[in-house]
Amino acid sequence: MPKRCSMDLGEVTSLSPADLRAIPAFRSVIAYFDAKTGGTRLPSRADIVPADLKPHLPKIFIWDMDTDADGTVRDIRIRLLGTEVAYFYGESTGVSFLDYPEPGVAERAFAVARRMMEAPAVMGYRVRGITTEKRHVALYVCYVPLSTDGFHVNQVFGCIHCDTPA
């Protein structure tokens, strides 16, 4: 896997729906999916028209989830990864989180996937860190459950936003 931004991860904080909507990019993405579904079902990959999300494309990712008959997440594979996401996490399109080199990132991915399976809803986190260049970073991640049948989650769409305070 190509080198990613070297960053020591620190505090991880769950974000409320209001916190997520306070970030303009996330507000836009959430509104996009709400408009596609009318709130009557979960969005699907088929709802996504890349041209509609053009300003967000470098910041998005999609995961495919492999579950057993009981709905337990067995594996997560990175289907799509925007260039800005790859900057922080490494170019890992096609990689399984079972093989991911950063255990903390993989554990967080599985925690998100399990939570999505239990209660399918938009969710997010803030991750604070410091790069090897001593830049403080706050990375915000918004996760949207995707479903081929409208009810059972089998993919996760995500979008990142990064703050680097002066």
N, C-alpha and C. Protein backbone atom coordinates (compact mmCIF):
# COMPACT_ATOMS: atom_id res chain seq x y z
N MET A 1 0.85 -1.18 0.00
CA MET A 1 0.00 0.00 0.00
C MET A 1 0.90 1.24 0.00
N PRO A 2 0.65 2.19 -0.90
CA PRO A 2 1.47 3.41 -0.92
C PRO A 2 1.40 4.17 0.40
N LYS A 3 2.45 4.90 0.67
CA LYS A 3 2.57 5.65 1.93
C LYS A 3 1.44 6.66 2.08
N ARG A 4 1.00 6.81 3.30
CA ARG A 4 -0.02 7.79 3.62
C ARG A 4 0.60 8.88 4.46
N CYS A 5 -0.16 9.90 4.76
CA CYS A 5 0.28 10.95 5.66
C CYS A 5 0.60 10.31 7.00
N SER A 6 1.75 10.58 7.55
CA SER A 6 2.09 10.03 8.86
C SER A 6 1.47 10.90 9.94
N MET A 7 0.62 10.27 10.74
CA MET A 7 -0.11 11.02 11.74
C MET A 7 -0.34 10.15 12.96
N ASP A 8 -0.06 10.69 14.12
CA ASP A 8 -0.39 10.01 15.36
C ASP A 8 -1.81 10.39 15.72
N LEU A 9 -2.66 9.37 15.83
CA LEU A 9 -4.06 9.63 16.13
C LEU A 9 -4.25 9.79 17.63
N GLY A 10 -5.13 10.70 17.97
CA GLY A 10 -5.43 10.95 19.38
C GLY A 10 -6.89 10.68 19.66
N GLU A 11 -7.53 11.65 20.26
CA GLU A 11 -8.91 11.55 20.72
C GLU A 11 -9.89 11.31 19.56
N VAL A 12 -10.80 10.35 19.75
CA VAL A 12 -11.88 10.08 18.81
C VAL A 12 -13.18 10.40 19.52
N THR A 13 -13.99 11.29 18.92
CA THR A 13 -15.23 11.74 19.54
C THR A 13 -16.40 11.49 18.60
N SER A 14 -17.48 10.93 19.12
CA SER A 14 -18.69 10.73 18.34
C SER A 14 -19.36 12.08 18.09
N LEU A 15 -19.92 12.27 16.91
CA LEU A 15 -20.58 13.52 16.56
C LEU A 15 -22.10 13.32 16.53
N SER A 16 -22.81 14.29 17.04
CA SER A 16 -24.27 14.25 17.01
C SER A 16 -24.76 14.61 15.60
N PRO A 17 -26.02 14.32 15.29
CA PRO A 17 -26.56 14.76 14.00
C PRO A 17 -26.42 16.27 13.79
N ALA A 18 -26.61 17.05 14.84
CA ALA A 18 -26.45 18.51 14.73
C ALA A 18 -25.00 18.87 14.43
N ASP A 19 -24.04 18.18 15.07
CA ASP A 19 -22.62 18.42 14.79
C ASP A 19 -22.30 18.13 13.33
N LEU A 20 -22.83 17.02 12.81
CA LEU A 20 -22.58 16.66 11.41
C LEU A 20 -23.14 17.71 10.46
N ARG A 21 -24.37 18.15 10.72
CA ARG A 21 -25.01 19.12 9.84
C ARG A 21 -24.39 20.51 9.96
N ALA A 22 -23.62 20.75 11.00
CA ALA A 22 -22.93 22.04 11.15
C ALA A 22 -21.75 22.17 10.18
N ILE A 23 -21.31 21.06 9.63
CA ILE A 23 -20.21 21.06 8.66
C ILE A 23 -20.84 21.13 7.27
N PRO A 24 -20.62 22.23 6.53
CA PRO A 24 -21.32 22.43 5.25
C PRO A 24 -21.24 21.24 4.28
N ALA A 25 -20.08 20.63 4.14
CA ALA A 25 -19.95 19.49 3.21
C ALA A 25 -20.84 18.34 3.65
N PHE A 26 -20.89 18.07 4.95
CA PHE A 26 -21.71 16.97 5.44
C PHE A 26 -23.19 17.31 5.30
N ARG A 27 -23.55 18.55 5.60
CA ARG A 27 -24.94 18.98 5.45
C ARG A 27 -25.39 18.75 4.00
N SER A 28 -24.52 19.08 3.06
CA SER A 28 -24.82 18.91 1.64
C SER A 28 -24.98 17.43 1.27
N VAL A 29 -24.09 16.58 1.74
CA VAL A 29 -24.15 15.14 1.45
C VAL A 29 -25.40 14.52 2.07
N ILE A 30 -25.69 14.86 3.32
CA ILE A 30 -26.87 14.31 3.99
C ILE A 30 -28.14 14.75 3.26
N ALA A 31 -28.21 16.02 2.87
CA ALA A 31 -29.37 16.53 2.13
C ALA A 31 -29.51 15.81 0.79
N TYR A 32 -28.39 15.52 0.15
CA TYR A 32 -28.39 14.80 -1.13
C TYR A 32 -29.08 13.45 -0.98
N PHE A 33 -28.67 12.69 0.03
CA PHE A 33 -29.27 11.37 0.23
C PHE A 33 -30.72 11.47 0.70
N ASP A 34 -31.03 12.46 1.54
CA ASP A 34 -32.42 12.66 1.96
C ASP A 34 -33.31 12.93 0.75
N ALA A 35 -32.83 13.75 -0.18
CA ALA A 35 -33.60 14.07 -1.39
C ALA A 35 -33.79 12.83 -2.27
N LYS A 36 -32.80 11.96 -2.29
CA LYS A 36 -32.89 10.75 -3.12
C LYS A 36 -33.90 9.74 -2.57
N THR A 37 -34.03 9.68 -1.25
CA THR A 37 -34.85 8.64 -0.64
C THR A 37 -36.18 9.13 -0.08
N GLY A 38 -36.30 10.42 0.14
CA GLY A 38 -37.52 10.94 0.75
C GLY A 38 -37.73 10.44 2.17
N GLY A 39 -36.68 9.88 2.77
CA GLY A 39 -36.78 9.38 4.14
C GLY A 39 -37.57 8.10 4.27
N THR A 40 -37.89 7.44 3.15
CA THR A 40 -38.71 6.23 3.21
C THR A 40 -37.90 4.94 3.16
N ARG A 41 -36.61 5.05 2.84
CA ARG A 41 -35.75 3.88 2.75
C ARG A 41 -34.30 4.32 2.89
N LEU A 42 -33.41 3.36 3.04
CA LEU A 42 -31.99 3.67 3.04
C LEU A 42 -31.55 3.96 1.61
N PRO A 43 -30.58 4.86 1.44
CA PRO A 43 -30.07 5.10 0.09
C PRO A 43 -29.28 3.88 -0.41
N SER A 44 -29.10 3.83 -1.72
CA SER A 44 -28.32 2.75 -2.31
C SER A 44 -27.20 3.34 -3.16
N ARG A 45 -26.27 2.50 -3.54
CA ARG A 45 -25.19 2.92 -4.43
C ARG A 45 -25.78 3.43 -5.74
N ALA A 46 -26.87 2.83 -6.18
CA ALA A 46 -27.52 3.23 -7.43
C ALA A 46 -28.07 4.66 -7.36
N ASP A 47 -28.30 5.18 -6.16
CA ASP A 47 -28.78 6.56 -6.00
C ASP A 47 -27.69 7.59 -6.27
N ILE A 48 -26.45 7.16 -6.23
CA ILE A 48 -25.32 8.09 -6.32
C ILE A 48 -25.00 8.39 -7.78
N VAL A 49 -25.08 9.67 -8.12
CA VAL A 49 -24.66 10.15 -9.44
C VAL A 49 -23.39 10.97 -9.18
N PRO A 50 -22.22 10.44 -9.55
CA PRO A 50 -20.97 11.13 -9.22
C PRO A 50 -20.94 12.61 -9.63
N ALA A 51 -21.52 12.95 -10.76
CA ALA A 51 -21.52 14.35 -11.20
C ALA A 51 -22.24 15.25 -10.20
N ASP A 52 -23.23 14.69 -9.49
CA ASP A 52 -23.95 15.47 -8.48
C ASP A 52 -23.09 15.76 -7.25
N LEU A 53 -22.08 14.96 -7.05
CA LEU A 53 -21.22 15.07 -5.86
C LEU A 53 -19.82 15.55 -6.21
N LYS A 54 -19.67 16.15 -7.38
CA LYS A 54 -18.34 16.50 -7.90
C LYS A 54 -17.44 17.21 -6.89
N PRO A 55 -17.92 18.24 -6.15
CA PRO A 55 -17.00 18.90 -5.21
C PRO A 55 -16.55 17.99 -4.06
N HIS A 56 -17.30 16.91 -3.83
CA HIS A 56 -16.99 16.02 -2.71
C HIS A 56 -16.16 14.81 -3.11
N LEU A 57 -16.04 14.53 -4.41
CA LEU A 57 -15.42 13.28 -4.86
C LEU A 57 -14.05 12.98 -4.25
N PRO A 58 -13.14 13.95 -4.12
CA PRO A 58 -11.85 13.62 -3.50
C PRO A 58 -11.97 13.22 -2.03
N LYS A 59 -13.11 13.54 -1.42
CA LYS A 59 -13.26 13.34 0.03
C LYS A 59 -14.18 12.17 0.38
N ILE A 60 -14.58 11.36 -0.61
CA ILE A 60 -15.53 10.29 -0.30
C ILE A 60 -14.88 8.91 -0.36
N PHE A 61 -15.59 7.96 0.27
CA PHE A 61 -15.19 6.56 0.21
C PHE A 61 -16.45 5.71 0.27
N ILE A 62 -16.33 4.48 -0.20
CA ILE A 62 -17.41 3.50 -0.08
C ILE A 62 -16.79 2.19 0.38
N TRP A 63 -17.44 1.58 1.37
CA TRP A 63 -17.02 0.27 1.87
C TRP A 63 -18.08 -0.77 1.48
N ASP A 64 -17.64 -1.96 1.12
CA ASP A 64 -18.52 -3.11 0.94
C ASP A 64 -18.42 -3.95 2.21
N MET A 65 -19.56 -4.34 2.75
CA MET A 65 -19.56 -5.14 3.97
C MET A 65 -19.95 -6.58 3.64
N ASP A 66 -19.19 -7.51 4.18
CA ASP A 66 -19.48 -8.93 4.04
C ASP A 66 -20.04 -9.39 5.38
N THR A 67 -21.27 -9.89 5.36
CA THR A 67 -21.91 -10.33 6.61
C THR A 67 -22.29 -11.80 6.51
N ASP A 68 -22.44 -12.42 7.68
CA ASP A 68 -22.92 -13.79 7.69
C ASP A 68 -24.45 -13.78 7.71
N ALA A 69 -25.06 -14.96 7.80
CA ALA A 69 -26.52 -15.08 7.75
C ALA A 69 -27.22 -14.34 8.89
N ASP A 70 -26.52 -14.15 10.01
CA ASP A 70 -27.09 -13.44 11.15
C ASP A 70 -26.89 -11.93 11.08
N GLY A 71 -26.20 -11.46 10.04
CA GLY A 71 -25.95 -10.03 9.90
C GLY A 71 -24.69 -9.55 10.60
N THR A 72 -23.88 -10.48 11.10
CA THR A 72 -22.62 -10.12 11.74
C THR A 72 -21.60 -9.76 10.65
N VAL A 73 -20.93 -8.63 10.83
CA VAL A 73 -19.95 -8.18 9.85
C VAL A 73 -18.70 -9.05 9.95
N ARG A 74 -18.38 -9.74 8.86
CA ARG A 74 -17.18 -10.59 8.82
C ARG A 74 -15.99 -9.85 8.24
N ASP A 75 -16.26 -8.97 7.27
CA ASP A 75 -15.17 -8.26 6.61
C ASP A 75 -15.73 -6.97 6.01
N ILE A 76 -14.83 -6.03 5.79
CA ILE A 76 -15.15 -4.77 5.12
C ILE A 76 -14.05 -4.56 4.09
N ARG A 77 -14.45 -4.32 2.86
CA ARG A 77 -13.50 -4.07 1.79
C ARG A 77 -13.71 -2.65 1.27
N ILE A 78 -12.62 -1.95 1.05
CA ILE A 78 -12.69 -0.57 0.56
C ILE A 78 -12.93 -0.61 -0.94
N ARG A 79 -14.14 -0.19 -1.35
CA ARG A 79 -14.52 -0.22 -2.77
C ARG A 79 -14.00 1.00 -3.50
N LEU A 80 -14.10 2.17 -2.87
CA LEU A 80 -13.75 3.42 -3.52
C LEU A 80 -13.12 4.35 -2.50
N LEU A 81 -12.11 5.09 -2.92
CA LEU A 81 -11.40 5.98 -2.01
C LEU A 81 -10.97 7.23 -2.76
N GLY A 82 -11.48 8.39 -2.34
CA GLY A 82 -11.09 9.65 -2.95
C GLY A 82 -9.65 10.01 -2.61
N THR A 83 -9.07 10.91 -3.39
CA THR A 83 -7.66 11.25 -3.22
C THR A 83 -7.35 11.88 -1.87
N GLU A 84 -8.25 12.70 -1.34
CA GLU A 84 -7.99 13.31 -0.03
C GLU A 84 -8.10 12.28 1.09
N VAL A 85 -9.00 11.32 0.93
CA VAL A 85 -9.10 10.24 1.92
C VAL A 85 -7.82 9.41 1.88
N ALA A 86 -7.34 9.13 0.67
CA ALA A 86 -6.11 8.35 0.52
C ALA A 86 -4.91 9.05 1.15
N TYR A 87 -4.92 10.38 1.15
CA TYR A 87 -3.83 11.13 1.79
C TYR A 87 -3.70 10.76 3.26
N PHE A 88 -4.83 10.61 3.93
CA PHE A 88 -4.81 10.29 5.36
C PHE A 88 -4.71 8.79 5.65
N TYR A 89 -5.30 7.97 4.78
CA TYR A 89 -5.40 6.55 5.08
C TYR A 89 -4.59 5.66 4.15
N GLY A 90 -3.92 6.25 3.17
CA GLY A 90 -3.16 5.45 2.20
C GLY A 90 -4.07 4.99 1.08
N GLU A 91 -3.51 4.82 -0.11
CA GLU A 91 -4.31 4.33 -1.25
C GLU A 91 -4.61 2.87 -0.99
N SER A 92 -5.83 2.60 -0.59
CA SER A 92 -6.18 1.25 -0.15
C SER A 92 -7.44 0.73 -0.83
N THR A 93 -7.75 1.23 -2.02
CA THR A 93 -8.89 0.71 -2.76
C THR A 93 -8.72 -0.79 -2.96
N GLY A 94 -9.77 -1.55 -2.64
CA GLY A 94 -9.73 -3.00 -2.78
C GLY A 94 -9.20 -3.74 -1.57
N VAL A 95 -8.66 -3.02 -0.60
CA VAL A 95 -8.06 -3.63 0.58
C VAL A 95 -9.14 -4.01 1.60
N SER A 96 -8.98 -5.15 2.23
CA SER A 96 -9.84 -5.59 3.32
C SER A 96 -9.34 -4.96 4.62
N PHE A 97 -10.27 -4.55 5.48
CA PHE A 97 -9.84 -4.03 6.78
C PHE A 97 -9.23 -5.13 7.65
N LEU A 98 -9.44 -6.40 7.30
CA LEU A 98 -8.76 -7.48 8.01
C LEU A 98 -7.26 -7.43 7.76
N ASP A 99 -6.86 -6.84 6.63
CA ASP A 99 -5.45 -6.73 6.26
C ASP A 99 -4.90 -5.32 6.40
N TYR A 100 -5.69 -4.41 6.93
CA TYR A 100 -5.30 -3.00 6.99
C TYR A 100 -4.13 -2.83 7.97
N PRO A 101 -3.11 -2.04 7.61
CA PRO A 101 -1.90 -1.96 8.44
C PRO A 101 -2.05 -1.17 9.74
N GLU A 102 -3.09 -0.38 9.89
CA GLU A 102 -3.29 0.40 11.12
C GLU A 102 -4.43 -0.21 11.92
N PRO A 103 -4.15 -0.97 12.98
CA PRO A 103 -5.21 -1.65 13.73
C PRO A 103 -6.28 -0.71 14.28
N GLY A 104 -5.91 0.48 14.73
CA GLY A 104 -6.89 1.41 15.27
C GLY A 104 -7.91 1.85 14.24
N VAL A 105 -7.45 2.08 13.02
CA VAL A 105 -8.35 2.48 11.93
C VAL A 105 -9.28 1.31 11.59
N ALA A 106 -8.74 0.11 11.50
CA ALA A 106 -9.55 -1.07 11.19
C ALA A 106 -10.58 -1.33 12.28
N GLU A 107 -10.18 -1.20 13.54
CA GLU A 107 -11.12 -1.41 14.64
C GLU A 107 -12.26 -0.40 14.57
N ARG A 108 -11.94 0.85 14.26
CA ARG A 108 -12.97 1.89 14.16
C ARG A 108 -13.92 1.58 12.99
N ALA A 109 -13.37 1.09 11.86
CA ALA A 109 -14.21 0.73 10.71
C ALA A 109 -15.19 -0.38 11.09
N PHE A 110 -14.71 -1.40 11.78
CA PHE A 110 -15.60 -2.49 12.19
C PHE A 110 -16.63 -2.00 13.21
N ALA A 111 -16.25 -1.10 14.10
CA ALA A 111 -17.20 -0.55 15.07
C ALA A 111 -18.30 0.23 14.35
N VAL A 112 -17.92 1.03 13.36
CA VAL A 112 -18.91 1.77 12.57
C VAL A 112 -19.84 0.80 11.84
N ALA A 113 -19.27 -0.22 11.21
CA ALA A 113 -20.07 -1.19 10.46
C ALA A 113 -21.05 -1.92 11.38
N ARG A 114 -20.60 -2.33 12.56
CA ARG A 114 -21.50 -3.01 13.51
C ARG A 114 -22.62 -2.08 13.94
N ARG A 115 -22.27 -0.83 14.22
CA ARG A 115 -23.28 0.14 14.64
C ARG A 115 -24.29 0.39 13.51
N MET A 116 -23.81 0.46 12.27
CA MET A 116 -24.70 0.65 11.12
C MET A 116 -25.67 -0.53 10.98
N MET A 117 -25.18 -1.74 11.25
CA MET A 117 -26.04 -2.93 11.15
C MET A 117 -27.11 -2.91 12.23
N GLU A 118 -26.75 -2.46 13.44
CA GLU A 118 -27.69 -2.43 14.55
C GLU A 118 -28.73 -1.33 14.42
N ALA A 119 -28.29 -0.16 13.99
CA ALA A 119 -29.18 1.00 13.90
C ALA A 119 -28.78 1.84 12.68
N PRO A 120 -29.28 1.47 11.51
CA PRO A 120 -28.87 2.17 10.29
C PRO A 120 -29.26 3.66 10.32
N ALA A 121 -28.26 4.50 10.42
CA ALA A 121 -28.48 5.95 10.45
C ALA A 121 -27.16 6.63 10.14
N VAL A 122 -27.25 7.87 9.70
CA VAL A 122 -26.05 8.68 9.47
C VAL A 122 -25.35 8.86 10.81
N MET A 123 -24.04 8.74 10.80
CA MET A 123 -23.26 8.92 12.02
C MET A 123 -21.91 9.52 11.67
N GLY A 124 -21.18 9.97 12.69
CA GLY A 124 -19.88 10.55 12.41
C GLY A 124 -18.98 10.63 13.62
N TYR A 125 -17.70 10.90 13.33
CA TYR A 125 -16.68 11.03 14.37
C TYR A 125 -15.74 12.18 14.04
N ARG A 126 -15.12 12.68 15.08
CA ARG A 126 -14.00 13.61 14.92
C ARG A 126 -12.78 12.88 15.47
N VAL A 127 -11.70 12.90 14.69
CA VAL A 127 -10.45 12.28 15.11
C VAL A 127 -9.40 13.38 15.15
N ARG A 128 -8.80 13.57 16.31
CA ARG A 128 -7.72 14.56 16.43
C ARG A 128 -6.39 13.84 16.30
N GLY A 129 -5.44 14.53 15.69
CA GLY A 129 -4.13 13.93 15.52
C GLY A 129 -3.08 14.99 15.27
N ILE A 130 -1.86 14.53 15.17
CA ILE A 130 -0.75 15.42 14.86
C ILE A 130 0.13 14.71 13.83
N THR A 131 0.46 15.43 12.76
CA THR A 131 1.29 14.85 11.71
C THR A 131 2.75 14.87 12.13
N THR A 132 3.58 14.14 11.39
CA THR A 132 5.01 14.14 11.69
C THR A 132 5.62 15.52 11.47
N GLU A 133 4.93 16.36 10.69
CA GLU A 133 5.39 17.75 10.48
C GLU A 133 4.90 18.66 11.61
N LYS A 134 4.30 18.05 12.64
CA LYS A 134 3.80 18.75 13.83
C LYS A 134 2.60 19.64 13.53
N ARG A 135 1.82 19.28 12.50
CA ARG A 135 0.58 19.99 12.21
C ARG A 135 -0.54 19.30 12.97
N HIS A 136 -1.30 20.08 13.72
CA HIS A 136 -2.47 19.54 14.42
C HIS A 136 -3.61 19.42 13.42
N VAL A 137 -4.30 18.30 13.47
CA VAL A 137 -5.36 18.03 12.50
C VAL A 137 -6.59 17.55 13.25
N ALA A 138 -7.75 18.04 12.81
CA ALA A 138 -9.03 17.48 13.24
C ALA A 138 -9.69 16.94 11.98
N LEU A 139 -9.84 15.63 11.92
CA LEU A 139 -10.43 14.97 10.77
C LEU A 139 -11.85 14.55 11.16
N TYR A 140 -12.82 15.02 10.40
CA TYR A 140 -14.22 14.70 10.64
C TYR A 140 -14.66 13.70 9.59
N VAL A 141 -15.40 12.68 10.01
CA VAL A 141 -15.86 11.65 9.09
C VAL A 141 -17.36 11.46 9.26
N CYS A 142 -18.08 11.52 8.15
CA CYS A 142 -19.53 11.29 8.12
C CYS A 142 -19.77 9.96 7.41
N TYR A 143 -20.57 9.09 8.01
CA TYR A 143 -20.88 7.78 7.45
C TYR A 143 -22.37 7.71 7.13
N VAL A 144 -22.71 7.22 5.94
CA VAL A 144 -24.10 7.06 5.51
C VAL A 144 -24.31 5.59 5.15
N PRO A 145 -25.31 4.92 5.77
CA PRO A 145 -25.56 3.53 5.40
C PRO A 145 -26.15 3.43 4.00
N LEU A 146 -25.69 2.45 3.23
CA LEU A 146 -26.24 2.17 1.90
C LEU A 146 -26.81 0.76 1.89
N SER A 147 -27.83 0.56 1.06
CA SER A 147 -28.52 -0.72 1.02
C SER A 147 -29.02 -1.01 -0.38
N THR A 148 -28.83 -2.23 -0.85
CA THR A 148 -29.36 -2.59 -2.17
C THR A 148 -30.87 -2.82 -2.13
N ASP A 149 -31.41 -3.19 -0.97
CA ASP A 149 -32.86 -3.43 -0.89
C ASP A 149 -33.62 -2.32 -0.16
N GLY A 150 -32.91 -1.29 0.30
CA GLY A 150 -33.56 -0.17 0.97
C GLY A 150 -33.71 -0.33 2.47
N PHE A 151 -33.37 -1.52 3.00
CA PHE A 151 -33.59 -1.77 4.42
C PHE A 151 -32.39 -2.38 5.14
N HIS A 152 -31.63 -3.24 4.46
CA HIS A 152 -30.50 -3.94 5.08
C HIS A 152 -29.19 -3.33 4.58
N VAL A 153 -28.37 -2.89 5.52
CA VAL A 153 -27.12 -2.22 5.17
C VAL A 153 -26.12 -3.23 4.61
N ASN A 154 -25.55 -2.91 3.44
CA ASN A 154 -24.49 -3.76 2.90
C ASN A 154 -23.31 -2.95 2.38
N GLN A 155 -23.43 -1.61 2.44
CA GLN A 155 -22.33 -0.73 2.09
C GLN A 155 -22.38 0.49 3.00
N VAL A 156 -21.26 1.19 3.07
CA VAL A 156 -21.19 2.45 3.80
C VAL A 156 -20.57 3.49 2.88
N PHE A 157 -21.24 4.62 2.75
CA PHE A 157 -20.71 5.78 2.03
C PHE A 157 -20.14 6.71 3.08
N GLY A 158 -18.98 7.26 2.82
CA GLY A 158 -18.39 8.19 3.78
C GLY A 158 -17.82 9.42 3.11
N CYS A 159 -17.68 10.46 3.90
CA CYS A 159 -17.12 11.72 3.44
C CYS A 159 -16.27 12.28 4.58
N ILE A 160 -15.12 12.88 4.25
CA ILE A 160 -14.27 13.46 5.28
C ILE A 160 -14.22 14.98 5.13
N HIS A 161 -13.87 15.62 6.23
CA HIS A 161 -13.59 17.06 6.26
C HIS A 161 -12.42 17.23 7.21
N CYS A 162 -11.46 18.05 6.82
CA CYS A 162 -10.26 18.23 7.64
C CYS A 162 -10.09 19.68 8.04
N ASP A 163 -9.84 19.90 9.32
CA ASP A 163 -9.46 21.22 9.84
C ASP A 163 -8.02 21.14 10.30
N THR A 164 -7.23 22.11 9.90
CA THR A 164 -5.85 22.20 10.38
C THR A 164 -5.69 23.59 10.99
N PRO A 165 -5.96 23.71 12.30
CA PRO A 165 -5.85 25.02 12.95
C PRO A 165 -4.45 25.60 12.82
N ALA A 166 -4.41 26.91 12.74
CA ALA A 166 -3.12 27.61 12.62
C ALA A 166 -2.34 27.54 13.91
